[in-house]
N, C-alpha and C. Protein backbone atom coordinates (compact mmCIF):
# COMPACT_ATOMS: atom_id res chain seq x y z
N MET A 1 -1.85 4.08 45.10
CA MET A 1 -1.45 3.91 43.72
C MET A 1 -0.36 4.91 43.36
N ARG A 2 -0.44 6.09 43.88
CA ARG A 2 0.55 7.13 43.58
C ARG A 2 1.94 6.68 44.00
N ALA A 3 2.07 5.99 45.12
CA ALA A 3 3.37 5.55 45.59
C ALA A 3 3.98 4.51 44.65
N LEU A 4 3.15 3.70 44.02
CA LEU A 4 3.65 2.70 43.10
C LEU A 4 4.09 3.32 41.77
N VAL A 5 3.36 4.31 41.31
CA VAL A 5 3.65 4.93 40.03
C VAL A 5 4.85 5.86 40.13
N ARG A 6 4.97 6.56 41.21
CA ARG A 6 5.97 7.61 41.37
C ARG A 6 7.41 7.16 41.12
N PRO A 7 7.89 6.03 41.64
CA PRO A 7 9.29 5.67 41.40
C PRO A 7 9.60 5.42 39.93
N TYR A 8 8.60 5.06 39.16
CA TYR A 8 8.83 4.77 37.75
C TYR A 8 8.54 5.97 36.85
N ALA A 9 8.06 7.05 37.41
CA ALA A 9 7.68 8.21 36.61
C ALA A 9 8.82 8.73 35.73
N PRO A 10 10.07 8.83 36.23
CA PRO A 10 11.13 9.33 35.34
C PRO A 10 11.36 8.41 34.14
N LEU A 11 11.19 7.11 34.31
CA LEU A 11 11.39 6.18 33.21
C LEU A 11 10.25 6.24 32.20
N CYS A 12 9.04 6.49 32.68
CA CYS A 12 7.86 6.48 31.82
C CYS A 12 7.57 7.83 31.20
N ALA A 13 8.13 8.89 31.72
CA ALA A 13 7.80 10.23 31.25
C ALA A 13 7.94 10.39 29.74
N PRO A 14 9.02 9.87 29.10
CA PRO A 14 9.09 10.05 27.65
C PRO A 14 7.96 9.35 26.91
N ILE A 15 7.40 8.30 27.48
CA ILE A 15 6.35 7.54 26.81
C ILE A 15 4.98 8.09 27.15
N PHE A 16 4.71 8.26 28.45
CA PHE A 16 3.37 8.60 28.90
C PHE A 16 3.17 10.07 29.24
N GLY A 17 4.22 10.84 29.26
CA GLY A 17 4.10 12.24 29.65
C GLY A 17 4.26 12.38 31.15
N SER A 18 4.12 13.56 31.63
CA SER A 18 4.32 13.83 33.05
C SER A 18 3.25 13.15 33.89
N MET A 19 3.66 12.52 34.99
CA MET A 19 2.72 11.84 35.87
C MET A 19 2.46 12.68 37.13
N THR A 20 2.89 13.93 37.14
CA THR A 20 2.69 14.78 38.31
C THR A 20 1.32 15.43 38.27
N THR A 21 0.86 15.88 39.40
CA THR A 21 -0.43 16.56 39.49
C THR A 21 -0.27 17.99 39.01
N HIS A 22 -1.24 18.46 38.30
CA HIS A 22 -1.22 19.83 37.79
C HIS A 22 -1.25 20.79 38.97
N PRO A 23 -0.49 21.91 38.96
CA PRO A 23 -0.45 22.83 40.08
C PRO A 23 -1.81 23.42 40.44
N VAL A 24 -2.71 23.53 39.51
CA VAL A 24 -4.02 24.12 39.77
C VAL A 24 -4.93 23.11 40.46
N ALA A 25 -4.52 21.85 40.52
CA ALA A 25 -5.38 20.80 41.07
C ALA A 25 -5.75 21.06 42.52
N HIS A 26 -4.95 21.77 43.24
CA HIS A 26 -5.23 22.03 44.65
C HIS A 26 -6.11 23.26 44.87
N ASP A 27 -6.41 24.00 43.81
CA ASP A 27 -7.24 25.19 43.89
C ASP A 27 -8.71 24.79 43.76
N PRO A 28 -9.52 25.00 44.80
CA PRO A 28 -10.92 24.59 44.74
C PRO A 28 -11.69 25.25 43.60
N GLY A 29 -11.24 26.38 43.10
CA GLY A 29 -11.92 27.07 42.01
C GLY A 29 -11.74 26.37 40.67
N HIS A 30 -10.83 25.42 40.57
CA HIS A 30 -10.56 24.70 39.33
C HIS A 30 -10.78 23.21 39.53
N SER A 31 -11.98 22.84 39.91
CA SER A 31 -12.25 21.46 40.28
C SER A 31 -12.18 20.48 39.11
N SER A 32 -12.43 20.91 37.88
CA SER A 32 -12.41 19.97 36.75
C SER A 32 -11.00 19.74 36.21
N GLU A 33 -10.07 20.58 36.56
CA GLU A 33 -8.71 20.47 36.02
C GLU A 33 -8.03 19.14 36.34
N PRO A 34 -8.09 18.63 37.57
CA PRO A 34 -7.41 17.35 37.84
C PRO A 34 -8.02 16.20 37.02
N LEU A 35 -9.33 16.19 36.86
CA LEU A 35 -9.96 15.13 36.08
C LEU A 35 -9.60 15.23 34.61
N THR A 36 -9.54 16.44 34.10
CA THR A 36 -9.17 16.63 32.71
C THR A 36 -7.74 16.17 32.47
N GLY A 37 -6.84 16.56 33.35
CA GLY A 37 -5.43 16.13 33.24
C GLY A 37 -5.31 14.62 33.35
N PHE A 38 -6.03 14.05 34.31
CA PHE A 38 -6.00 12.60 34.49
C PHE A 38 -6.54 11.91 33.24
N SER A 39 -7.62 12.40 32.70
CA SER A 39 -8.22 11.81 31.50
C SER A 39 -7.27 11.87 30.32
N ARG A 40 -6.58 13.00 30.17
CA ARG A 40 -5.62 13.14 29.07
C ARG A 40 -4.47 12.15 29.22
N ARG A 41 -3.96 12.01 30.45
CA ARG A 41 -2.88 11.06 30.68
C ARG A 41 -3.35 9.64 30.43
N TYR A 42 -4.57 9.33 30.86
CA TYR A 42 -5.14 8.00 30.68
C TYR A 42 -5.27 7.69 29.18
N LEU A 43 -5.77 8.64 28.41
CA LEU A 43 -5.89 8.45 26.97
C LEU A 43 -4.52 8.29 26.31
N GLY A 44 -3.55 9.04 26.80
CA GLY A 44 -2.18 8.90 26.28
C GLY A 44 -1.62 7.51 26.53
N ILE A 45 -1.86 7.02 27.73
CA ILE A 45 -1.40 5.66 28.07
C ILE A 45 -2.09 4.64 27.18
N LEU A 46 -3.40 4.77 27.03
CA LEU A 46 -4.14 3.83 26.19
C LEU A 46 -3.67 3.86 24.74
N SER A 47 -3.42 5.05 24.23
CA SER A 47 -2.99 5.13 22.83
C SER A 47 -1.63 4.47 22.65
N LYS A 48 -0.75 4.61 23.63
CA LYS A 48 0.56 3.95 23.54
C LYS A 48 0.41 2.44 23.66
N LEU A 49 -0.47 1.98 24.52
CA LEU A 49 -0.68 0.54 24.69
C LEU A 49 -1.36 -0.08 23.46
N GLN A 50 -2.14 0.71 22.73
CA GLN A 50 -2.80 0.19 21.54
C GLN A 50 -1.79 -0.20 20.46
N ALA A 51 -0.58 0.32 20.55
CA ALA A 51 0.45 -0.07 19.59
C ALA A 51 0.75 -1.56 19.69
N PHE A 52 0.50 -2.17 20.85
CA PHE A 52 0.72 -3.61 21.00
C PHE A 52 -0.16 -4.41 20.04
N GLU A 53 -1.28 -3.86 19.62
CA GLU A 53 -2.16 -4.55 18.69
C GLU A 53 -1.46 -4.81 17.35
N GLU A 54 -0.46 -4.03 17.04
CA GLU A 54 0.25 -4.17 15.78
C GLU A 54 1.30 -5.28 15.80
N LEU A 55 1.64 -5.77 16.98
CA LEU A 55 2.71 -6.76 17.09
C LEU A 55 2.45 -8.04 16.30
N PRO A 56 1.26 -8.62 16.33
CA PRO A 56 1.07 -9.85 15.54
C PRO A 56 1.35 -9.65 14.05
N ALA A 57 0.90 -8.55 13.49
CA ALA A 57 1.15 -8.28 12.07
C ALA A 57 2.65 -8.08 11.83
N LEU A 58 3.32 -7.43 12.75
CA LEU A 58 4.76 -7.23 12.60
C LEU A 58 5.51 -8.55 12.71
N GLN A 59 5.01 -9.45 13.53
CA GLN A 59 5.64 -10.76 13.67
C GLN A 59 5.56 -11.52 12.35
N VAL A 60 4.43 -11.45 11.69
CA VAL A 60 4.26 -12.11 10.39
C VAL A 60 5.23 -11.48 9.38
N ALA A 61 5.29 -10.16 9.35
CA ALA A 61 6.18 -9.46 8.42
C ALA A 61 7.64 -9.80 8.71
N ALA A 62 8.02 -9.86 9.98
CA ALA A 62 9.40 -10.20 10.35
C ALA A 62 9.74 -11.62 9.91
N ALA A 63 8.82 -12.55 10.08
CA ALA A 63 9.05 -13.93 9.65
C ALA A 63 9.21 -13.99 8.13
N GLN A 64 8.40 -13.22 7.40
CA GLN A 64 8.52 -13.17 5.94
C GLN A 64 9.87 -12.59 5.53
N ALA A 65 10.30 -11.55 6.23
CA ALA A 65 11.58 -10.92 5.91
C ALA A 65 12.73 -11.90 6.15
N ARG A 66 12.67 -12.66 7.24
CA ARG A 66 13.71 -13.66 7.51
C ARG A 66 13.74 -14.73 6.43
N THR A 67 12.57 -15.18 6.00
CA THR A 67 12.49 -16.20 4.95
C THR A 67 13.06 -15.67 3.63
N ILE A 68 12.68 -14.45 3.27
CA ILE A 68 13.19 -13.84 2.03
C ILE A 68 14.71 -13.69 2.11
N ALA A 69 15.22 -13.23 3.24
CA ALA A 69 16.67 -13.06 3.40
C ALA A 69 17.39 -14.40 3.30
N ARG A 70 16.86 -15.43 3.95
CA ARG A 70 17.46 -16.77 3.91
C ARG A 70 17.47 -17.30 2.46
N ASN A 71 16.35 -17.13 1.76
CA ASN A 71 16.26 -17.60 0.38
C ASN A 71 17.21 -16.84 -0.55
N THR A 72 17.35 -15.54 -0.31
CA THR A 72 18.26 -14.73 -1.13
C THR A 72 19.71 -15.15 -0.91
N LEU A 73 20.08 -15.38 0.35
CA LEU A 73 21.44 -15.85 0.64
C LEU A 73 21.69 -17.21 -0.01
N SER A 74 20.71 -18.08 0.05
CA SER A 74 20.84 -19.39 -0.58
C SER A 74 21.00 -19.24 -2.09
N LEU A 75 20.23 -18.35 -2.69
CA LEU A 75 20.35 -18.09 -4.11
C LEU A 75 21.77 -17.69 -4.48
N PHE A 76 22.34 -16.75 -3.73
CA PHE A 76 23.69 -16.30 -4.04
C PHE A 76 24.73 -17.37 -3.78
N ARG A 77 24.55 -18.14 -2.70
CA ARG A 77 25.54 -19.19 -2.38
C ARG A 77 25.53 -20.32 -3.39
N HIS A 78 24.40 -20.58 -3.99
CA HIS A 78 24.29 -21.73 -4.88
C HIS A 78 24.14 -21.31 -6.34
N ALA A 79 23.00 -20.83 -6.73
CA ALA A 79 22.72 -20.56 -8.14
C ALA A 79 23.64 -19.49 -8.72
N VAL A 80 23.79 -18.37 -8.04
CA VAL A 80 24.61 -17.28 -8.59
C VAL A 80 26.08 -17.70 -8.63
N LEU A 81 26.56 -18.33 -7.58
CA LEU A 81 27.96 -18.77 -7.54
C LEU A 81 28.22 -19.80 -8.64
N GLU A 82 27.33 -20.77 -8.79
CA GLU A 82 27.48 -21.78 -9.84
C GLU A 82 27.45 -21.13 -11.23
N HIS A 83 26.57 -20.17 -11.39
CA HIS A 83 26.48 -19.46 -12.67
C HIS A 83 27.80 -18.75 -12.97
N HIS A 84 28.34 -18.10 -11.97
CA HIS A 84 29.60 -17.37 -12.16
C HIS A 84 30.75 -18.33 -12.48
N VAL A 85 30.80 -19.47 -11.80
CA VAL A 85 31.84 -20.47 -12.07
C VAL A 85 31.71 -20.98 -13.52
N ASP A 86 30.47 -21.21 -13.95
CA ASP A 86 30.24 -21.65 -15.33
C ASP A 86 30.72 -20.58 -16.32
N GLU A 87 30.44 -19.33 -16.03
CA GLU A 87 30.89 -18.25 -16.91
C GLU A 87 32.41 -18.24 -17.03
N GLU A 88 33.07 -18.30 -15.88
CA GLU A 88 34.54 -18.26 -15.88
C GLU A 88 35.15 -19.48 -16.56
N GLY A 89 34.53 -20.64 -16.36
CA GLY A 89 35.11 -21.87 -16.90
C GLY A 89 34.76 -22.16 -18.35
N GLU A 90 33.59 -21.73 -18.78
CA GLU A 90 33.13 -22.10 -20.13
C GLU A 90 32.87 -20.90 -21.05
N LEU A 91 32.08 -19.97 -20.58
CA LEU A 91 31.66 -18.87 -21.44
C LEU A 91 32.80 -17.92 -21.78
N PHE A 92 33.51 -17.43 -20.76
CA PHE A 92 34.56 -16.45 -21.02
C PHE A 92 35.66 -17.01 -21.93
N PRO A 93 36.14 -18.24 -21.69
CA PRO A 93 37.14 -18.78 -22.63
C PRO A 93 36.61 -18.92 -24.05
N ALA A 94 35.32 -19.29 -24.19
CA ALA A 94 34.73 -19.42 -25.53
C ALA A 94 34.66 -18.05 -26.20
N VAL A 95 34.31 -17.03 -25.45
CA VAL A 95 34.27 -15.67 -26.01
C VAL A 95 35.67 -15.24 -26.41
N LEU A 96 36.66 -15.55 -25.58
CA LEU A 96 38.04 -15.17 -25.90
C LEU A 96 38.52 -15.89 -27.16
N ARG A 97 38.19 -17.18 -27.30
CA ARG A 97 38.60 -17.95 -28.49
C ARG A 97 37.96 -17.39 -29.76
N SER A 98 36.72 -16.91 -29.63
CA SER A 98 36.03 -16.42 -30.82
C SER A 98 36.30 -14.94 -31.11
N ALA A 99 36.96 -14.27 -30.21
CA ALA A 99 37.25 -12.84 -30.43
C ALA A 99 38.30 -12.68 -31.51
N ARG A 100 38.14 -11.65 -32.33
CA ARG A 100 39.14 -11.35 -33.35
C ARG A 100 40.38 -10.76 -32.69
N ARG A 101 41.51 -11.10 -33.23
CA ARG A 101 42.77 -10.55 -32.71
C ARG A 101 42.72 -9.03 -32.78
N GLY A 102 43.37 -8.41 -31.84
CA GLY A 102 43.43 -6.96 -31.83
C GLY A 102 42.54 -6.39 -30.73
N PRO A 103 41.88 -5.26 -31.00
CA PRO A 103 41.10 -4.56 -29.97
C PRO A 103 40.00 -5.43 -29.33
N GLU A 104 39.34 -6.27 -30.14
CA GLU A 104 38.26 -7.09 -29.58
C GLU A 104 38.81 -8.09 -28.56
N ALA A 105 39.88 -8.77 -28.90
CA ALA A 105 40.50 -9.73 -27.98
C ALA A 105 41.05 -9.01 -26.74
N GLU A 106 41.62 -7.84 -26.94
CA GLU A 106 42.15 -7.07 -25.80
C GLU A 106 41.03 -6.64 -24.85
N GLU A 107 39.87 -6.36 -25.42
CA GLU A 107 38.73 -5.96 -24.59
C GLU A 107 38.18 -7.16 -23.80
N VAL A 108 38.18 -8.33 -24.38
CA VAL A 108 37.63 -9.53 -23.74
C VAL A 108 38.60 -10.11 -22.72
N GLN A 109 39.88 -9.99 -22.95
CA GLN A 109 40.91 -10.60 -22.11
C GLN A 109 40.76 -10.33 -20.61
N PRO A 110 40.53 -9.09 -20.17
CA PRO A 110 40.40 -8.84 -18.71
C PRO A 110 39.24 -9.63 -18.09
N TRP A 111 38.20 -9.89 -18.84
CA TRP A 111 37.05 -10.64 -18.30
C TRP A 111 37.45 -12.09 -18.02
N CYS A 112 38.35 -12.58 -18.82
CA CYS A 112 38.75 -13.98 -18.68
C CYS A 112 39.79 -14.19 -17.60
N ASN A 113 40.43 -13.14 -17.16
CA ASN A 113 41.47 -13.24 -16.13
C ASN A 113 40.96 -12.78 -14.77
N ALA A 114 39.73 -12.36 -14.69
CA ALA A 114 39.20 -11.82 -13.42
C ALA A 114 39.02 -12.89 -12.38
């Protein structure tokens, strides 16, 4: 198993931590150290793999985000654009016609030429 894991150790190190044997592991006076290190690495791997459990919920959220984005773009392409065209074609000229000559008309004029 060590031969299979070893070539990938540099790629996995940022995720799973060091896959090397602890230097004390070869000392007979420290017999529990290799098991403790192995157990810690095993728990680290499991905790990283448990993140996969969150993927289904993220998939639902991503689908909702895509739907909201699509609906928002549609809103702007249709309703907001039509509203703006109506303002430019009907509302702004009506406001300009009803504005009193002088400062009020001068203030409204730029809106009608935009």
